[in-house]
Amino acid sequence: MLEQTHARNDFYNPVAILDKDLLTEVSFNLRIFEICTVCGARFGIGYHGPCSGMLSEGEIGELPQKLTEILAKDHRQDRAHKRFIDLDF
């Protein structure tokens, strides 16, 4: 099962989960996929539970860019990507 390091308020926040870990997340509401432009790691972006209406379409559109920036920073700092990334604004 995915690391239990994320807090319960993440239930309502947009998150990114590494593609290979999506199968273990039974209550994850997937909205879009994004791929790391450096290493090709694939992440699903969405919410835990029935929270798909929490952000507008414009805000959903900003999430891939935010994730791309986080992933690029990982590479600049020579660290592995997290399996679970909070994308809360």
C-alpha atoms as a PDB file:
ATOM      1  CA  MET A   1       0.000   0.000   0.000  1.00  0.00           C
ATOM      2  CA  LEU A   2       1.096   3.586  -0.649  1.00  0.00           C
ATOM      3  CA  GLU A   3       3.042   5.345   2.097  1.00  0.00           C
ATOM      4  CA  GLN A   4       0.791   6.572   4.854  1.00  0.00           C
ATOM      5  CA  THR A   5       2.643   9.893   5.154  1.00  0.00           C
ATOM      6  CA  HIS A   6      -0.089  12.009   3.620  1.00  0.00           C
ATOM      7  CA  ALA A   7      -2.528  13.735   5.971  1.00  0.00           C
ATOM      8  CA  ARG A   8      -6.291  13.325   5.852  1.00  0.00           C
ATOM      9  CA  ASN A   9      -6.774  16.836   4.466  1.00  0.00           C
ATOM     10  CA  ASP A  10      -5.129  15.478   1.290  1.00  0.00           C
ATOM     11  CA  PHE A  11      -8.503  13.827   0.728  1.00  0.00           C
ATOM     12  CA  TYR A  12      -9.657  17.224  -0.569  1.00  0.00           C
ATOM     13  CA  ASN A  13      -6.403  18.474  -2.110  1.00  0.00           C
ATOM     14  CA  PRO A  14      -5.183  17.670  -5.606  1.00  0.00           C
ATOM     15  CA  VAL A  15      -2.363  15.132  -5.546  1.00  0.00           C
ATOM     16  CA  ALA A  16      -0.081  13.306  -7.964  1.00  0.00           C
ATOM     17  CA  ILE A  17       0.636   9.610  -7.534  1.00  0.00           C
ATOM     18  CA  LEU A  18       3.337   7.656  -9.349  1.00  0.00           C
ATOM     19  CA  ASP A  19       1.698   5.567 -12.073  1.00  0.00           C
ATOM     20  CA  LYS A  20       2.771   2.184 -10.682  1.00  0.00           C
ATOM     21  CA  ASP A  21       1.169   3.048  -7.321  1.00  0.00           C
ATOM     22  CA  LEU A  22      -2.226   4.035  -8.749  1.00  0.00           C
ATOM     23  CA  LEU A  23      -3.516   0.446  -8.622  1.00  0.00           C
ATOM     24  CA  THR A  24      -3.227   0.413  -4.821  1.00  0.00           C
ATOM     25  CA  GLU A  25      -5.291   3.599  -4.481  1.00  0.00           C
ATOM     26  CA  VAL A  26      -8.864   2.316  -4.671  1.00  0.00           C
ATOM     27  CA  SER A  27     -10.523   5.651  -3.848  1.00  0.00           C
ATOM     28  CA  PHE A  28      -8.381   7.817  -6.139  1.00  0.00           C
ATOM     29  CA  ASN A  29     -10.332   9.963  -8.633  1.00  0.00           C
ATOM     30  CA  LEU A  30      -7.927  10.301 -11.571  1.00  0.00           C
ATOM     31  CA  ARG A  31      -8.287  13.490 -13.631  1.00  0.00           C
ATOM     32  CA  ILE A  32      -5.188  13.597 -15.862  1.00  0.00           C
ATOM     33  CA  PHE A  33      -1.737  12.059 -16.406  1.00  0.00           C
ATOM     34  CA  GLU A  34       1.549  13.952 -16.573  1.00  0.00           C
ATOM     35  CA  ILE A  35       5.003  12.661 -17.549  1.00  0.00           C
ATOM     36  CA  CYS A  36       8.335  13.909 -16.194  1.00  0.00           C
ATOM     37  CA  THR A  37      10.112  15.519 -19.128  1.00  0.00           C
ATOM     38  CA  VAL A  38      13.517  14.434 -17.801  1.00  0.00           C
ATOM     39  CA  CYS A  39      13.134  10.761 -16.810  1.00  0.00           C
ATOM     40  CA  GLY A  40       9.732   9.783 -18.219  1.00  0.00           C
ATOM     41  CA  ALA A  41       8.133   8.888 -14.870  1.00  0.00           C
ATOM     42  CA  ARG A  42       4.338   8.977 -15.239  1.00  0.00           C
ATOM     43  CA  PHE A  43       2.035  10.423 -12.578  1.00  0.00           C
ATOM     44  CA  GLY A  44      -1.725  10.406 -12.224  1.00  0.00           C
ATOM     45  CA  ILE A  45      -3.183  13.702 -11.003  1.00  0.00           C
ATOM     46  CA  GLY A  46      -6.475  13.760  -9.117  1.00  0.00           C
ATOM     47  CA  TYR A  47      -8.100  13.434  -5.701  1.00  0.00           C
ATOM     48  CA  HIS A  48      -8.766  10.806  -3.087  1.00  0.00           C
ATOM     49  CA  GLY A  49     -12.456  10.048  -2.825  1.00  0.00           C
ATOM     50  CA  PRO A  50     -15.383  11.819  -4.495  1.00  0.00           C
ATOM     51  CA  CYS A  51     -13.786  15.279  -4.696  1.00  0.00           C
ATOM     52  CA  SER A  52     -13.684  15.716  -8.455  1.00  0.00           C
ATOM     53  CA  GLY A  53     -15.591  19.003  -8.358  1.00  0.00           C
ATOM     54  CA  MET A  54     -13.212  20.754  -5.978  1.00  0.00           C
ATOM     55  CA  LEU A  55     -11.339  22.736  -8.652  1.00  0.00           C
ATOM     56  CA  SER A  56     -12.508  24.467 -11.791  1.00  0.00           C
ATOM     57  CA  GLU A  57     -11.311  23.289 -15.218  1.00  0.00           C
ATOM     58  CA  GLY A  58      -8.898  26.243 -15.340  1.00  0.00           C
ATOM     59  CA  GLU A  59      -7.347  25.236 -12.036  1.00  0.00           C
ATOM     60  CA  ILE A  60      -7.133  21.586 -13.118  1.00  0.00           C
ATOM     61  CA  GLY A  61      -5.224  22.806 -16.158  1.00  0.00           C
ATOM     62  CA  GLU A  62      -2.598  24.396 -13.895  1.00  0.00           C
ATOM     63  CA  LEU A  63      -1.828  21.153 -12.038  1.00  0.00           C
ATOM     64  CA  PRO A  64       0.350  19.508 -14.726  1.00  0.00           C
ATOM     65  CA  GLN A  65       2.554  22.623 -14.887  1.00  0.00           C
ATOM     66  CA  LYS A  66       2.890  22.672 -11.102  1.00  0.00           C
ATOM     67  CA  LEU A  67       3.825  18.977 -11.074  1.00  0.00           C
ATOM     68  CA  THR A  68       6.334  19.499 -13.902  1.00  0.00           C
ATOM     69  CA  GLU A  69       8.029  22.221 -11.854  1.00  0.00           C
ATOM     70  CA  ILE A  70       8.214  19.956  -8.788  1.00  0.00           C
ATOM     71  CA  LEU A  71       9.659  17.087 -10.841  1.00  0.00           C
ATOM     72  CA  ALA A  72      12.241  19.370 -12.494  1.00  0.00           C
ATOM     73  CA  LYS A  73      13.312  20.602  -9.058  1.00  0.00           C
ATOM     74  CA  ASP A  74      13.804  16.985  -7.969  1.00  0.00           C
ATOM     75  CA  HIS A  75      16.217  16.481 -10.864  1.00  0.00           C
ATOM     76  CA  ARG A  76      18.071  19.756 -10.214  1.00  0.00           C
ATOM     77  CA  GLN A  77      18.560  18.689  -6.585  1.00  0.00           C
ATOM     78  CA  ASP A  78      19.496  15.126  -7.631  1.00  0.00           C
ATOM     79  CA  ARG A  79      16.770  13.454  -5.564  1.00  0.00           C
ATOM     80  CA  ALA A  80      14.260  10.754  -6.381  1.00  0.00           C
ATOM     81  CA  HIS A  81      10.656  11.675  -7.081  1.00  0.00           C
ATOM     82  CA  LYS A  82       8.214  11.066  -4.266  1.00  0.00           C
ATOM     83  CA  ARG A  83       5.556   8.451  -4.926  1.00  0.00           C
ATOM     84  CA  PHE A  84       2.874  10.826  -3.588  1.00  0.00           C
ATOM     85  CA  ILE A  85       3.032  14.597  -4.253  1.00  0.00           C
ATOM     86  CA  ASP A  86       0.635  17.120  -2.731  1.00  0.00           C
ATOM     87  CA  LEU A  87      -0.342  19.709  -5.350  1.00  0.00           C
ATOM     88  CA  ASP A  88      -2.346  21.945  -3.026  1.00  0.00           C
ATOM     89  CA  PHE A  89      -2.314  25.584  -4.051  1.00  0.00           C
END
